[in-house]
Amino acid sequence: MPEAINDPEGRFAQPGSRVRASGPILILAVLFVAATFLAWYFTWFGRGLSDADITKYLTDTKNPRHVQHALLQIQQRMERGDQSARNWYPQIEALSASSETEFRLTTAWLMGYDNQSKEFHADLLKLVRDGEPIVRRNAALALVRFNDNSGREELVFVLQPFAVKSAATGVISSTLHVGSDISRGALLARVQQADGQVTEIRSPLPGRIGEVSRANGTQVNSGETILTLNSDEESIWEALRGLSFIGRTEDLEAIQMYANSSSASDRVREQAKLTAKSIETRRK
């Protein structure tokens, strides 16, 4: 039997004690990895859901990720032509009238996958007048699939700068500059009011700051434009695609701006040219 090393100060462990001590550490490490995996797995949108799970998730409005996961699963069924997706149409319609922006924008997009549904068509005509621009944009694109041009003006607006207005009167505070990339929901500015309250102004859309109208530290009135946002590339490309079907001659000026732009990507320029050509062909 091996003897213990003579170590009166206790600097060295008994032979074999390292193996015994590592046991609990190994178990903790395994548990940590397992917990991390399970947390990822149960929030991963790629995980398949049963019919019962989809029904349950759609009603779990306190957990937006569950609702979005269920809606994605329904979208995949609709893309495959799976008629079982119709089982959840009433719940989709209910979510389209939710006060939660995320639910409205997702259902607006989803409804475009069944352009034979009269109920979806009617809901989209409401959503294209929604108070949130991101919802209106998704509804406008979905309506194109219904061969409905009710969202045409909204798609043209995508090609133009979007004015962000102040929601309060006071002194503005912002460190953002022209050209800054912005995600939807990002903090654009704060407005400190005379009574000391601070109002945050967040971006309703993804994009890039095009022009700053109110400099940091200046006075701004409620309803005044503080800056403009240029749409992100994906939104511009989708709008151009939609306008290739429902665009009019009067839209060509905004479309040609991207076709001739040196700053636009090749993908956007090419789509702008195709869209302009499609509109001109329909005019003949």
Protein backbone atom coordinates (compact mmCIF):
# COMPACT_ATOMS: atom_id res chain seq x y z
CA MET A 1 0.00 0.00 0.00
CA PRO A 2 1.50 3.39 -0.87
CA GLU A 3 2.54 5.51 2.04
CA ALA A 4 1.47 9.10 2.60
CA ILE A 5 4.04 11.70 1.75
CA ASN A 6 5.56 13.17 4.83
CA ASP A 7 4.12 16.69 4.74
CA PRO A 8 3.64 18.22 8.17
CA GLU A 9 2.37 21.50 6.70
CA GLY A 10 -0.33 19.75 4.71
CA ARG A 11 0.84 21.02 1.33
CA PHE A 12 0.43 17.66 -0.35
CA ALA A 13 -2.66 15.45 -0.51
CA GLN A 14 -2.80 11.75 0.20
CA PRO A 15 -2.30 9.55 -2.88
CA GLY A 16 -5.66 8.91 -4.54
CA SER A 17 -7.38 11.81 -2.79
CA ARG A 18 -7.33 13.86 -6.04
CA VAL A 19 -9.54 11.26 -7.72
CA ARG A 20 -11.99 11.29 -4.84
CA ALA A 21 -12.11 15.12 -4.72
CA SER A 22 -12.72 15.43 -8.46
CA GLY A 23 -15.88 13.32 -8.28
CA PRO A 24 -18.21 16.07 -6.98
CA ILE A 25 -16.59 18.61 -9.31
CA LEU A 26 -17.19 16.32 -12.28
CA ILE A 27 -20.83 15.84 -11.29
CA LEU A 28 -21.32 19.60 -10.97
CA ALA A 29 -19.72 20.14 -14.38
CA VAL A 30 -22.02 17.56 -15.97
CA LEU A 31 -25.06 19.13 -14.31
CA PHE A 32 -24.00 22.57 -15.50
CA VAL A 33 -23.59 21.37 -19.09
CA ALA A 34 -26.91 19.52 -18.95
CA ALA A 35 -28.73 22.56 -17.56
CA THR A 36 -27.22 24.79 -20.24
CA PHE A 37 -28.22 22.35 -22.97
CA LEU A 38 -31.78 22.00 -21.68
CA ALA A 39 -32.18 25.77 -21.38
CA TRP A 40 -31.01 26.14 -24.98
CA TYR A 41 -33.08 23.21 -26.23
CA PHE A 42 -36.35 24.41 -24.75
CA THR A 43 -35.90 27.92 -26.16
CA TRP A 44 -34.56 26.81 -29.56
CA PHE A 45 -37.05 27.65 -32.28
CA GLY A 46 -35.86 24.71 -34.37
CA ARG A 47 -37.22 22.22 -31.85
CA GLY A 48 -40.33 20.47 -33.17
CA LEU A 49 -43.56 20.91 -31.26
CA SER A 50 -46.48 18.51 -30.98
CA ASP A 51 -50.00 19.69 -31.76
CA ALA A 52 -50.68 19.91 -28.03
CA ASP A 53 -47.51 21.96 -27.50
CA ILE A 54 -48.45 24.40 -30.27
CA THR A 55 -51.90 24.93 -28.75
CA LYS A 56 -50.39 25.40 -25.31
CA TYR A 57 -47.65 27.76 -26.51
CA LEU A 58 -50.10 29.97 -28.41
CA THR A 59 -51.97 30.69 -25.20
CA ASP A 60 -48.82 31.39 -23.20
CA THR A 61 -48.86 35.10 -24.00
CA LYS A 62 -46.78 35.90 -20.90
CA ASN A 63 -43.91 34.12 -22.64
CA PRO A 64 -43.53 35.75 -26.10
CA ARG A 65 -40.85 33.23 -27.14
CA HIS A 66 -43.33 30.40 -26.70
CA VAL A 67 -45.89 32.17 -28.87
CA GLN A 68 -43.31 32.95 -31.56
CA HIS A 69 -42.03 29.36 -31.47
CA ALA A 70 -45.54 28.05 -32.05
CA LEU A 71 -46.18 30.52 -34.87
CA LEU A 72 -42.95 29.46 -36.58
CA GLN A 73 -44.02 25.81 -36.39
CA ILE A 74 -47.37 26.72 -37.95
CA GLN A 75 -45.60 28.66 -40.70
CA GLN A 76 -43.50 25.62 -41.55
CA ARG A 77 -46.66 23.51 -41.82
CA MET A 78 -48.29 26.11 -44.06
CA GLU A 79 -45.22 26.12 -46.31
CA ARG A 80 -45.52 22.33 -46.65
CA GLY A 81 -49.21 22.60 -47.48
CA ASP A 82 -50.12 20.82 -44.25
CA GLN A 83 -53.83 21.46 -43.72
CA SER A 84 -53.49 20.84 -39.97
CA ALA A 85 -52.22 24.42 -39.71
CA ARG A 86 -55.83 25.58 -40.12
CA ASN A 87 -56.59 24.24 -36.66
CA TRP A 88 -54.86 27.26 -35.18
CA TYR A 89 -56.20 29.96 -37.51
CA PRO A 90 -58.64 31.31 -34.89
CA GLN A 91 -55.78 31.71 -32.40
CA ILE A 92 -53.63 33.41 -35.04
CA GLU A 93 -56.43 35.87 -35.72
CA ALA A 94 -56.79 36.56 -32.01
CA LEU A 95 -53.06 37.26 -31.70
CA SER A 96 -53.23 39.67 -34.64
CA ALA A 97 -55.41 41.90 -32.46
CA SER A 98 -53.09 41.65 -29.44
CA SER A 99 -51.67 44.75 -27.75
CA GLU A 100 -48.23 43.10 -28.03
CA THR A 101 -46.38 44.41 -31.09
CA GLU A 102 -44.33 41.23 -31.48
CA PHE A 103 -47.47 39.14 -31.88
CA ARG A 104 -49.03 41.49 -34.42
CA LEU A 105 -45.93 41.77 -36.60
CA THR A 106 -45.37 38.00 -36.58
CA THR A 107 -48.98 37.12 -37.40
CA ALA A 108 -49.03 39.77 -40.14
CA TRP A 109 -46.12 38.00 -41.81
CA LEU A 110 -47.56 34.54 -41.19
CA MET A 111 -50.95 35.34 -42.74
CA GLY A 112 -49.30 35.86 -46.10
CA TYR A 113 -48.61 32.12 -46.33
CA ASP A 114 -52.28 31.37 -46.95
CA ASN A 115 -53.56 33.80 -49.54
CA GLN A 116 -56.83 31.87 -49.83
CA SER A 117 -58.01 32.73 -46.33
CA LYS A 118 -60.68 35.43 -46.38
CA GLU A 119 -60.30 35.87 -42.62
CA PHE A 120 -56.55 36.51 -42.93
CA HIS A 121 -57.17 38.96 -45.77
CA ALA A 122 -59.61 40.94 -43.65
CA ASP A 123 -57.20 40.99 -40.69
CA LEU A 124 -54.33 42.18 -42.86
CA LEU A 125 -56.39 45.11 -44.10
CA LYS A 126 -56.61 46.17 -40.46
CA LEU A 127 -52.95 45.53 -39.70
CA VAL A 128 -51.77 47.61 -42.66
CA ARG A 129 -53.20 50.60 -40.74
CA ASP A 130 -51.56 49.59 -37.45
CA GLY A 131 -49.92 52.20 -35.24
CA GLU A 132 -46.54 50.45 -35.45
CA PRO A 133 -44.66 50.84 -38.76
CA ILE A 134 -43.04 47.41 -38.50
CA VAL A 135 -46.51 45.81 -38.35
CA ARG A 136 -47.74 47.87 -41.30
CA ARG A 137 -44.75 46.81 -43.37
CA ASN A 138 -45.26 43.12 -42.71
CA ALA A 139 -48.97 43.42 -43.47
CA ALA A 140 -48.26 45.30 -46.71
CA LEU A 141 -45.91 42.55 -47.89
CA ALA A 142 -48.40 39.84 -46.94
CA LEU A 143 -51.17 41.62 -48.86
CA VAL A 144 -49.07 41.40 -52.03
CA ARG A 145 -49.56 37.63 -51.86
CA PHE A 146 -53.30 38.25 -51.91
CA ASN A 147 -52.80 40.31 -55.08
CA ASP A 148 -54.00 43.28 -53.02
CA ASN A 149 -52.24 46.63 -53.46
CA SER A 150 -53.68 48.17 -50.28
CA GLY A 151 -50.19 48.28 -48.77
CA ARG A 152 -48.48 49.87 -51.79
CA GLU A 153 -47.95 53.27 -50.14
CA GLU A 154 -46.46 51.57 -47.08
CA LEU A 155 -43.93 49.76 -49.28
CA VAL A 156 -42.98 53.04 -50.96
CA PHE A 157 -42.47 54.56 -47.50
CA VAL A 158 -39.88 51.84 -46.82
CA LEU A 159 -37.75 53.36 -49.58
CA GLN A 160 -37.87 56.80 -47.96
CA PRO A 161 -36.43 58.17 -44.71
CA PHE A 162 -38.62 57.53 -41.67
CA ALA A 163 -39.07 60.50 -39.33
CA VAL A 164 -38.71 59.69 -35.63
CA LYS A 165 -40.59 62.23 -33.53
CA SER A 166 -40.22 63.22 -29.91
CA ALA A 167 -42.88 61.93 -27.53
CA ALA A 168 -42.30 64.74 -25.02
CA THR A 169 -41.15 68.35 -24.63
CA GLY A 170 -37.82 68.99 -22.97
CA VAL A 171 -34.06 68.82 -23.43
CA ILE A 172 -32.85 66.02 -25.65
CA SER A 173 -29.92 63.79 -24.81
CA SER A 174 -28.42 61.51 -27.45
CA THR A 175 -24.95 60.37 -28.48
CA LEU A 176 -25.97 58.84 -31.81
CA HIS A 177 -24.49 60.09 -35.06
CA VAL A 178 -25.39 60.01 -38.74
CA GLY A 179 -24.67 56.58 -40.20
CA SER A 180 -25.15 54.67 -36.94
CA ASP A 181 -26.78 51.27 -37.43
CA ILE A 182 -29.85 50.84 -35.26
CA SER A 183 -31.89 47.79 -34.30
CA ARG A 184 -35.58 47.96 -33.57
CA GLY A 185 -36.13 48.91 -29.95
CA ALA A 186 -32.71 50.53 -29.59
CA LEU A 187 -32.53 53.68 -27.46
CA LEU A 188 -32.32 56.72 -29.73
CA ALA A 189 -32.58 59.54 -27.23
CA ARG A 190 -33.84 60.68 -23.85
CA VAL A 191 -35.90 63.79 -23.28
CA GLN A 192 -35.71 65.40 -19.85
CA GLN A 193 -38.90 67.31 -19.15
CA ALA A 194 -39.31 70.44 -17.05
CA ASP A 195 -40.67 68.41 -14.11
CA GLY A 196 -37.58 66.20 -14.10
CA GLN A 197 -39.20 63.18 -15.72
CA VAL A 198 -37.23 61.47 -18.49
CA THR A 199 -38.89 60.01 -21.58
CA GLU A 200 -36.99 57.42 -23.60
CA ILE A 201 -37.36 57.38 -27.37
CA ARG A 202 -36.70 53.99 -28.90
CA SER A 203 -36.44 53.01 -32.54
CA PRO A 204 -39.64 51.57 -34.01
CA LEU A 205 -37.66 50.10 -36.90
CA PRO A 206 -34.25 48.65 -37.77
CA GLY A 207 -32.14 50.87 -39.98
CA ARG A 208 -29.45 53.52 -40.13
CA ILE A 209 -29.57 57.11 -38.94
CA GLY A 210 -29.85 59.37 -41.96
CA GLU A 211 -30.12 62.83 -40.45
CA VAL A 212 -30.09 64.25 -36.92
CA SER A 213 -32.51 67.17 -36.61
CA ARG A 214 -32.07 67.96 -32.91
CA ALA A 215 -28.55 68.07 -31.48
CA ASN A 216 -27.66 66.75 -28.05
CA GLY A 217 -28.60 69.23 -25.30
CA THR A 218 -31.11 71.24 -27.34
CA GLN A 219 -34.78 71.88 -26.67
CA VAL A 220 -37.34 69.75 -28.49
CA ASN A 221 -41.12 69.91 -28.56
CA SER A 222 -43.45 66.94 -28.52
CA GLY A 223 -44.18 65.81 -32.07
CA GLU A 224 -41.05 67.36 -33.56
CA THR A 225 -38.72 65.21 -35.67
CA ILE A 226 -35.48 64.44 -33.86
CA LEU A 227 -33.88 62.29 -36.55
CA THR A 228 -34.61 60.20 -39.63
CA LEU A 229 -33.99 56.51 -40.17
CA ASN A 230 -33.10 54.90 -43.47
CA SER A 231 -34.46 51.38 -43.79
CA ASP A 232 -32.21 48.35 -43.40
CA GLU A 233 -31.20 46.45 -46.53
CA GLU A 234 -33.54 43.49 -45.99
CA SER A 235 -36.58 45.75 -45.64
CA ILE A 236 -35.63 47.69 -48.76
CA TRP A 237 -35.13 44.51 -50.77
CA GLU A 238 -38.48 43.07 -49.62
CA ALA A 239 -40.29 46.33 -50.42
CA LEU A 240 -38.77 46.42 -53.89
CA ARG A 241 -39.86 42.83 -54.49
CA GLY A 242 -43.40 43.67 -53.42
CA LEU A 243 -43.52 46.75 -55.62
CA SER A 244 -42.48 44.68 -58.62
CA PHE A 245 -46.01 43.25 -58.45
CA ILE A 246 -48.09 46.20 -57.27
CA GLY A 247 -45.94 49.27 -57.94
CA ARG A 248 -47.15 52.15 -60.09
CA THR A 249 -45.50 54.60 -62.44
CA GLU A 250 -45.40 57.27 -59.75
CA ASP A 251 -43.24 54.96 -57.62
CA LEU A 252 -40.46 54.77 -60.19
CA GLU A 253 -38.58 57.82 -58.90
CA ALA A 254 -38.09 56.26 -55.46
CA ILE A 255 -37.19 52.91 -57.01
CA GLN A 256 -34.68 54.36 -59.48
CA MET A 257 -32.91 56.07 -56.60
CA TYR A 258 -31.79 52.63 -55.44
CA ALA A 259 -31.15 51.32 -58.93
CA ASN A 260 -28.65 54.15 -59.48
CA SER A 261 -27.25 54.33 -55.95
CA SER A 262 -23.54 53.77 -55.48
CA SER A 263 -24.03 53.09 -51.76
CA ALA A 264 -26.70 50.39 -52.18
CA SER A 265 -25.62 46.76 -52.33
CA ASP A 266 -25.51 44.87 -55.63
CA ARG A 267 -28.50 42.85 -54.45
CA VAL A 268 -30.62 45.94 -53.82
CA ARG A 269 -29.56 47.65 -57.06
CA GLU A 270 -30.40 44.57 -59.09
CA GLN A 271 -33.81 44.20 -57.48
CA ALA A 272 -34.53 47.91 -58.01
CA LYS A 273 -33.78 47.52 -61.73
CA LEU A 274 -36.00 44.44 -61.98
CA THR A 275 -38.81 46.23 -60.14
CA ALA A 276 -38.61 49.28 -62.38
CA LYS A 277 -38.63 47.07 -65.46
CA SER A 278 -41.66 45.18 -64.20
CA ILE A 279 -43.62 48.39 -63.58
CA GLU A 280 -42.69 49.79 -66.99
CA THR A 281 -43.74 46.54 -68.67
CA ARG A 282 -47.15 46.63 -67.01
CA ARG A 283 -47.57 50.24 -68.14
CA LYS A 284 -47.29 49.29 -71.81
